[in-house]
Amino acid sequence: MKKTNFDRYLDEQLKDPAFAARFKRALRRVADALHARVRIVFEPAKTGSGMRVAESAASYRAKRARTKRT
């Protein structure tokens, strides 16, 4: 899969220690507000799984051409 400019930007940001510190601080604030804890887990990607979304597929119908009524 080809990397987009945003992917490259994120890679650079995640390598920056200052960004990582800000990111972790923000996650901790959210967790505190939700009375939860932060746990980050890196797991190997499943091969051939492709990208998925949590939503069901939208049904699209072809639009009808408008005709002039007389």
C-alpha atoms as a PDB file:
ATOM      1  CA  MET A   1       0.000   0.000   0.000  1.00  0.00           C
ATOM      2  CA  LYS A   2       1.395   3.371  -0.998  1.00  0.00           C
ATOM      3  CA  LYS A   3       2.028   5.842   1.826  1.00  0.00           C
ATOM      4  CA  THR A   4       0.216   9.158   1.610  1.00  0.00           C
ATOM      5  CA  ASN A   5       1.674  12.492   2.652  1.00  0.00           C
ATOM      6  CA  PHE A   6      -0.360  12.262   5.857  1.00  0.00           C
ATOM      7  CA  ASP A   7       1.149   8.832   6.615  1.00  0.00           C
ATOM      8  CA  ARG A   8       4.641  10.247   6.174  1.00  0.00           C
ATOM      9  CA  TYR A   9       3.753  13.251   8.351  1.00  0.00           C
ATOM     10  CA  LEU A  10       2.420  10.962  11.091  1.00  0.00           C
ATOM     11  CA  ASP A  11       5.546   8.814  10.942  1.00  0.00           C
ATOM     12  CA  GLU A  12       7.696  11.887  11.484  1.00  0.00           C
ATOM     13  CA  GLN A  13       5.471  13.190  14.281  1.00  0.00           C
ATOM     14  CA  LEU A  14       5.511   9.887  16.140  1.00  0.00           C
ATOM     15  CA  LYS A  15       9.312   9.828  16.029  1.00  0.00           C
ATOM     16  CA  ASP A  16       9.449  13.281  17.674  1.00  0.00           C
ATOM     17  CA  PRO A  17       9.809  12.880  21.477  1.00  0.00           C
ATOM     18  CA  ALA A  18       8.018  16.177  22.151  1.00  0.00           C
ATOM     19  CA  PHE A  19       4.994  15.071  20.098  1.00  0.00           C
ATOM     20  CA  ALA A  20       4.930  11.680  21.814  1.00  0.00           C
ATOM     21  CA  ALA A  21       4.943  13.375  25.235  1.00  0.00           C
ATOM     22  CA  ARG A  22       2.070  15.702  24.265  1.00  0.00           C
ATOM     23  CA  PHE A  23       0.120  12.788  22.806  1.00  0.00           C
ATOM     24  CA  LYS A  24       0.537  10.657  25.942  1.00  0.00           C
ATOM     25  CA  ARG A  25      -0.418  13.612  28.157  1.00  0.00           C
ATOM     26  CA  ALA A  26      -3.582  14.171  26.123  1.00  0.00           C
ATOM     27  CA  LEU A  27      -4.497  10.483  26.346  1.00  0.00           C
ATOM     28  CA  ARG A  28      -3.989  10.531  30.113  1.00  0.00           C
ATOM     29  CA  ARG A  29      -6.254  13.596  30.455  1.00  0.00           C
ATOM     30  CA  VAL A  30      -8.995  11.865  28.481  1.00  0.00           C
ATOM     31  CA  ALA A  31      -8.580   8.703  30.540  1.00  0.00           C
ATOM     32  CA  ASP A  32      -8.748  10.692  33.793  1.00  0.00           C
ATOM     33  CA  ALA A  33     -11.933  12.404  32.645  1.00  0.00           C
ATOM     34  CA  LEU A  34     -13.456   9.019  31.832  1.00  0.00           C
ATOM     35  CA  HIS A  35     -12.136   7.416  35.027  1.00  0.00           C
ATOM     36  CA  ALA A  36     -10.254   4.937  32.874  1.00  0.00           C
ATOM     37  CA  ARG A  37      -6.667   3.925  32.223  1.00  0.00           C
ATOM     38  CA  VAL A  38      -4.601   4.124  29.056  1.00  0.00           C
ATOM     39  CA  ARG A  39      -3.228   0.933  27.568  1.00  0.00           C
ATOM     40  CA  ILE A  40      -1.481   0.888  24.206  1.00  0.00           C
ATOM     41  CA  VAL A  41      -0.957  -2.492  22.580  1.00  0.00           C
ATOM     42  CA  PHE A  42       0.950  -3.154  19.382  1.00  0.00           C
ATOM     43  CA  GLU A  43      -0.196  -6.313  17.651  1.00  0.00           C
ATOM     44  CA  PRO A  44       0.964  -7.800  14.377  1.00  0.00           C
ATOM     45  CA  ALA A  45      -1.225  -6.958  11.426  1.00  0.00           C
ATOM     46  CA  LYS A  46      -3.191  -9.822   9.955  1.00  0.00           C
ATOM     47  CA  THR A  47      -2.130 -10.464   6.379  1.00  0.00           C
ATOM     48  CA  GLY A  48      -4.752 -10.065   3.710  1.00  0.00           C
ATOM     49  CA  SER A  49      -7.268  -8.499   6.055  1.00  0.00           C
ATOM     50  CA  GLY A  50      -7.440  -5.192   4.180  1.00  0.00           C
ATOM     51  CA  MET A  51      -8.894  -2.025   5.632  1.00  0.00           C
ATOM     52  CA  ARG A  52     -12.287  -2.256   7.276  1.00  0.00           C
ATOM     53  CA  VAL A  53     -14.813   0.161   8.733  1.00  0.00           C
ATOM     54  CA  ALA A  54     -17.203  -0.461  11.587  1.00  0.00           C
ATOM     55  CA  GLU A  55     -20.195   0.777   9.623  1.00  0.00           C
ATOM     56  CA  SER A  56     -22.326  -1.281   7.313  1.00  0.00           C
ATOM     57  CA  ALA A  57     -22.079  -0.612   3.610  1.00  0.00           C
ATOM     58  CA  ALA A  58     -24.205   2.250   2.342  1.00  0.00           C
ATOM     59  CA  SER A  59     -26.705   1.471  -0.365  1.00  0.00           C
ATOM     60  CA  TYR A  60     -26.388   3.797  -3.305  1.00  0.00           C
ATOM     61  CA  ARG A  61     -28.949   4.024  -6.057  1.00  0.00           C
ATOM     62  CA  ALA A  62     -28.555   5.620  -9.427  1.00  0.00           C
ATOM     63  CA  LYS A  63     -30.162   9.049  -9.565  1.00  0.00           C
ATOM     64  CA  ARG A  64     -32.974   9.447 -12.028  1.00  0.00           C
ATOM     65  CA  ALA A  65     -32.751  12.088 -14.669  1.00  0.00           C
ATOM     66  CA  ARG A  66     -35.178  14.909 -13.982  1.00  0.00           C
ATOM     67  CA  THR A  67     -37.858  15.452 -16.575  1.00  0.00           C
ATOM     68  CA  LYS A  68     -39.830  18.602 -17.029  1.00  0.00           C
ATOM     69  CA  ARG A  69     -43.465  18.257 -16.062  1.00  0.00           C
ATOM     70  CA  THR A  70     -46.080  20.003 -18.163  1.00  0.00           C
END
